[in-house]
N, C-alpha and C. Protein backbone atom coordinates (compact mmCIF):
# COMPACT_ATOMS: atom_id res chain seq x y z
N UNK A 1 0.90 -1.26 0.03
CA UNK A 1 -0.06 0.02 -0.06
C UNK A 1 0.88 1.42 -0.04
N UNK A 2 0.46 2.16 -0.80
CA UNK A 2 1.22 3.32 -0.86
C UNK A 2 0.33 4.52 -0.20
N UNK A 3 0.93 5.73 0.19
CA UNK A 3 0.16 6.89 0.56
C UNK A 3 -0.58 7.33 -0.46
N UNK A 4 -1.81 7.94 -0.28
CA UNK A 4 -2.82 8.35 -1.24
C UNK A 4 -2.04 9.55 -2.21
N UNK A 5 -2.75 9.63 -3.58
CA UNK A 5 -2.15 10.67 -4.39
C UNK A 5 -2.11 12.18 -3.62
N UNK A 6 -3.09 12.66 -2.90
CA UNK A 6 -2.98 13.96 -2.09
C UNK A 6 -2.64 13.86 -0.60
N UNK A 7 -1.73 12.71 -0.37
CA UNK A 7 -1.11 12.89 1.09
C UNK A 7 -0.39 14.25 1.30
N UNK A 8 -0.45 14.67 2.48
CA UNK A 8 0.44 15.78 2.78
C UNK A 8 1.97 15.64 3.20
N UNK A 9 2.30 14.34 3.25
CA UNK A 9 3.71 13.99 3.15
C UNK A 9 4.24 12.78 2.66
N UNK A 10 5.00 12.31 2.51
CA UNK A 10 5.30 11.10 2.08
C UNK A 10 5.86 10.11 3.17
N UNK A 11 5.99 8.90 2.73
CA UNK A 11 6.61 7.91 3.75
C UNK A 11 7.89 8.27 4.10
N UNK A 12 8.71 8.58 3.29
CA UNK A 12 10.34 8.71 3.30
C UNK A 12 10.42 9.96 4.38
N UNK A 13 9.53 10.84 4.21
CA UNK A 13 9.51 12.33 5.15
C UNK A 13 9.36 11.84 6.48
N UNK A 14 8.29 11.09 6.52
CA UNK A 14 7.82 10.71 7.98
C UNK A 14 8.81 9.76 8.79
N UNK A 15 9.24 8.72 7.84
CA UNK A 15 10.18 8.03 8.51
C UNK A 15 11.67 8.54 8.86
N UNK A 16 12.11 9.67 8.01
CA UNK A 16 13.38 10.51 8.29
C UNK A 16 12.78 11.23 9.53
N UNK A 17 11.75 11.97 9.84
CA UNK A 17 11.43 12.79 10.97
C UNK A 17 11.28 12.17 12.28
N UNK A 18 10.91 10.74 12.09
CA UNK A 18 10.71 10.03 13.46
C UNK A 18 12.06 9.08 13.83
N UNK A 19 12.74 8.89 12.64
CA UNK A 19 13.94 8.27 12.81
C UNK A 19 13.68 6.85 12.59
N UNK A 20 13.07 6.21 11.47
CA UNK A 20 12.88 4.89 11.38
C UNK A 20 13.58 4.50 10.00
N UNK A 21 14.38 3.52 10.17
CA UNK A 21 15.03 3.01 8.91
C UNK A 21 14.52 1.61 8.43
N UNK A 22 13.84 0.91 9.30
CA UNK A 22 13.20 -0.38 8.92
C UNK A 22 11.88 -0.13 8.11
N UNK A 23 11.72 -1.23 7.20
CA UNK A 23 10.44 -1.32 6.50
C UNK A 23 9.23 -1.94 7.04
N UNK A 24 9.46 -2.42 8.38
CA UNK A 24 8.63 -3.33 8.94
C UNK A 24 7.34 -2.62 9.13
N UNK A 25 7.35 -1.30 9.42
CA UNK A 25 6.14 -0.74 9.75
C UNK A 25 5.56 0.10 8.63
N UNK A 26 6.03 -0.06 7.52
CA UNK A 26 5.68 0.85 6.38
C UNK A 26 4.11 1.20 6.18
N UNK A 27 3.41 -0.02 6.18
CA UNK A 27 1.90 -0.13 5.81
C UNK A 27 1.22 0.62 7.13
N UNK A 28 1.58 0.52 8.28
CA UNK A 28 0.92 1.09 9.39
C UNK A 28 1.42 2.65 9.17
N UNK A 29 2.55 3.08 8.76
CA UNK A 29 2.73 4.39 8.60
C UNK A 29 1.99 5.01 7.41
N UNK A 30 2.04 4.27 6.32
CA UNK A 30 1.40 4.80 5.37
C UNK A 30 -0.13 5.14 5.52
N UNK A 31 -0.89 4.16 6.17
CA UNK A 31 -2.15 4.35 6.82
C UNK A 31 -2.29 5.35 7.62
N UNK A 32 -1.48 5.81 8.41
CA UNK A 32 -1.47 6.95 9.30
C UNK A 32 -1.37 8.12 8.72
N UNK A 33 -0.42 8.29 7.65
CA UNK A 33 -0.36 9.29 6.72
C UNK A 33 -1.62 9.87 6.04
N UNK A 34 -2.27 8.59 5.55
CA UNK A 34 -3.66 9.02 4.78
C UNK A 34 -4.74 9.49 5.86
N UNK A 35 -4.76 8.78 7.18
CA UNK A 35 -5.67 9.36 8.09
C UNK A 35 -5.49 10.71 8.59
N UNK A 36 -4.14 10.84 8.82
CA UNK A 36 -3.84 12.34 9.16
C UNK A 36 -4.20 13.41 8.16
N UNK A 37 -3.97 13.06 7.01
CA UNK A 37 -4.43 14.04 5.65
C UNK A 37 -5.64 14.14 5.77
N UNK A 38 -6.57 13.01 5.96
CA UNK A 38 -7.96 13.18 5.83
C UNK A 38 -8.60 14.09 6.94
N UNK A 39 -8.12 13.91 8.17
CA UNK A 39 -8.57 14.56 9.52
C UNK A 39 -8.29 16.00 9.26
N UNK A 40 -7.07 16.24 8.90
CA UNK A 40 -6.54 17.70 8.66
C UNK A 40 -7.54 18.51 7.65
N UNK A 41 -7.65 17.93 6.50
CA UNK A 41 -8.66 18.44 5.39
C UNK A 41 -10.08 18.75 6.00
N UNK A 42 -10.45 17.59 6.69
CA UNK A 42 -11.86 17.52 7.22
C UNK A 42 -11.93 18.76 8.34
N UNK A 43 -10.90 18.79 9.27
CA UNK A 43 -10.96 19.92 10.09
C UNK A 43 -11.06 21.43 9.30
N UNK A 44 -10.24 21.42 8.31
CA UNK A 44 -10.07 22.89 7.82
C UNK A 44 -11.26 23.05 6.70
N UNK A 45 -12.10 21.98 6.35
CA UNK A 45 -13.11 21.94 5.55
C UNK A 45 -12.71 22.46 4.07
N UNK A 46 -11.48 21.92 3.78
CA UNK A 46 -11.03 22.11 2.30
C UNK A 46 -9.91 21.20 1.98
N UNK A 47 -9.56 21.32 0.87
CA UNK A 47 -8.71 20.39 0.28
C UNK A 47 -7.26 21.20 0.23
N UNK A 48 -6.13 20.74 0.60
CA UNK A 48 -4.92 21.18 0.55
C UNK A 48 -4.35 21.09 -0.62
N UNK A 49 -3.79 20.07 -1.14
CA UNK A 49 -3.19 19.78 -2.44
C UNK A 49 -4.08 20.08 -3.93
N UNK A 50 -3.26 20.65 -4.44
CA UNK A 50 -4.08 21.12 -5.71
C UNK A 50 -4.93 19.87 -6.53
N UNK A 51 -5.91 20.11 -6.99
CA UNK A 51 -6.59 19.02 -7.64
C UNK A 51 -7.90 19.49 -8.46
N UNK A 52 -8.34 18.82 -9.35
CA UNK A 52 -9.51 19.25 -9.92
C UNK A 52 -10.72 18.69 -9.35
N UNK A 53 -11.79 19.59 -9.30
CA UNK A 53 -13.05 19.09 -8.53
C UNK A 53 -14.08 20.12 -9.48
N UNK A 54 -15.39 19.80 -9.14
CA UNK A 54 -16.47 20.53 -9.41
C UNK A 54 -17.22 21.08 -8.31
N UNK A 55 -17.46 22.56 -8.25
CA UNK A 55 -18.04 23.08 -7.15
C UNK A 55 -19.38 23.80 -7.76
N UNK A 56 -20.66 23.57 -7.33
CA UNK A 56 -21.78 24.25 -7.82
C UNK A 56 -22.25 25.34 -6.70
N UNK A 57 -22.31 26.60 -7.22
CA UNK A 57 -22.60 27.66 -6.21
C UNK A 57 -23.63 28.52 -6.73
N UNK A 58 -24.67 28.83 -6.22
CA UNK A 58 -25.65 29.92 -6.67
C UNK A 58 -25.21 31.30 -6.49
N UNK A 59 -25.22 32.03 -7.63
CA UNK A 59 -24.97 33.35 -7.48
C UNK A 59 -26.09 34.23 -7.44
N UNK A 60 -27.18 33.84 -7.46
CA UNK A 60 -28.53 34.84 -7.59
C UNK A 60 -28.40 35.89 -6.41
N UNK A 61 -28.50 37.06 -7.16
CA UNK A 61 -28.64 38.23 -6.08
C UNK A 61 -27.46 38.57 -5.34
N UNK A 62 -26.23 38.10 -5.77
CA UNK A 62 -25.23 38.37 -4.87
C UNK A 62 -23.96 39.13 -6.05
N UNK A 63 -23.20 39.87 -5.50
CA UNK A 63 -22.10 40.31 -6.39
C UNK A 63 -20.84 39.74 -6.32
N UNK A 64 -20.73 38.86 -5.40
CA UNK A 64 -19.53 38.05 -5.14
C UNK A 64 -19.81 36.64 -4.63
N UNK A 65 -19.07 35.52 -5.21
CA UNK A 65 -19.40 34.05 -4.86
C UNK A 65 -18.16 33.67 -4.13
N UNK A 66 -18.16 33.19 -2.88
CA UNK A 66 -17.08 32.72 -2.10
C UNK A 66 -17.09 31.24 -2.40
N UNK A 67 -15.93 30.71 -2.79
CA UNK A 67 -15.76 29.17 -3.03
C UNK A 67 -15.37 28.54 -1.86
N UNK A 68 -15.69 27.34 -1.90
CA UNK A 68 -15.15 26.34 -0.66
C UNK A 68 -13.86 26.12 -0.75
N UNK A 69 -13.30 25.79 -1.84
CA UNK A 69 -11.81 25.43 -2.11
C UNK A 69 -11.10 26.78 -2.69
N UNK A 70 -9.96 26.80 -2.07
CA UNK A 70 -9.13 28.15 -2.28
C UNK A 70 -7.67 27.75 -2.25
N UNK A 71 -6.79 28.54 -2.73
CA UNK A 71 -6.98 29.19 -3.92
C UNK A 71 -7.23 28.38 -5.17
N UNK A 72 -7.92 29.31 -6.10
CA UNK A 72 -8.17 28.62 -7.36
C UNK A 72 -7.14 28.83 -8.41
N UNK A 73 -6.69 27.86 -8.92
CA UNK A 73 -5.89 27.80 -10.07
C UNK A 73 -6.36 28.14 -11.35
N UNK A 74 -7.72 27.53 -11.62
CA UNK A 74 -8.26 27.57 -12.87
C UNK A 74 -9.71 27.45 -12.66
N UNK A 75 -10.50 28.39 -13.49
CA UNK A 75 -11.89 27.94 -13.42
C UNK A 75 -12.13 27.92 -14.95
N UNK A 76 -12.89 26.65 -15.42
CA UNK A 76 -13.00 26.17 -16.63
C UNK A 76 -14.45 26.59 -17.25
N UNK A 77 -15.46 26.80 -16.28
CA UNK A 77 -16.82 27.05 -16.85
C UNK A 77 -17.52 27.80 -15.70
N UNK A 78 -18.37 28.73 -16.10
CA UNK A 78 -19.35 29.61 -15.18
C UNK A 78 -20.65 29.66 -16.15
N UNK A 79 -21.80 29.25 -15.44
CA UNK A 79 -23.00 29.36 -16.17
C UNK A 79 -23.89 30.18 -15.30
N UNK A 80 -24.79 30.94 -15.93
CA UNK A 80 -25.71 31.80 -15.33
C UNK A 80 -26.91 31.43 -15.57
């Protein structure tokens, strides 16, 4: 098992930080990285690493629309 595509750190970084050189616990550490990434993003209520997604927002009667995810690198479509 490898860490998820959007994990906030790598297995090598974690092992270096905590001083582990053995591969015996790699699966446990990878799962911990994925759980920590998920918990952090849930707490912040947003994604950290850049990825593509669709967000539907109503702009009826407002001058500005606040997006759930930020910063925004690219917007491909806006409908009215």
